[in-house]
Amino acid sequence: MFHIPCSMRGGYTLIEILVAVGVFFIVIAAPTGFFVGSLKGQQKALSSQELLDQASYVLEYMSRAIRMAKKDKIGDCISDKYNYENPQGISSAIRFINYDGYCQEFFLDLVNKQLYERKSTDGNALNFGSALSLTSDNLEVISFEVKDPNSGWGQYDEDQVADKYQPRVTLFLEIKGIRSARTELQPVIKIQTTISQRNLDVIY
């Protein structure tokens, strides 16, 4: 019977198998890594977009109400003849008489880290209703500050003479998305905007 030498038998050596497996993993790992990286990038972009959309809505909502605020002629909501005020001197809140004549307030809840709004049933701050959240549970408000660049809410001197400065306030908001537990998917944005009074600063 014809005998085939061992050196002529079919098969692969251990080195050949290791080389083949290594090449295979290199070929597979390259597109897989690219796909995973693209997926993470898309998730981060979506998280940032959601955060920006919600932050923009909140600022637009507050800006519209603040821009339409009226002077408090009686002083039951804020100080007499002022347009805006930090209640109890708290910089993370703003109170005013809104367009409908109701006392309204925006403030930051430091415990829940959410922005809230509350309105009274009339122009008196004593009649505030329940506070309603303006931001979703997917967001965490790190900081909210209301600043008056003109160093005076009333815009009038002691003789009740207009100082010719249009009432305005500056809002600063730092907010973070917390939908995901992963740090890289928790984008943070800082937004600042200045809002001027719609009505002319005149005595009435």
Foldseek 3Di string as FASTA:
>chain_A
DDDDDPVPDDDDDPVVVVVVVVVVCVVVVVVVVVVVVVVLVVLLVVLVVVVVVLVVVLVVVVLVFLQQFAAACPQQQHHHQFAWDDVVPDFQKIWTQGNVQWIKMWGADPVLQFIWIWIAPHPHPVRIDDIDTSGDSQKGWPDKGKAWPVPDRNQADPVRDHPQDFGKIKIKTKMWGRPDVDPSNIDIDIDMDMHTHPDGNDDD
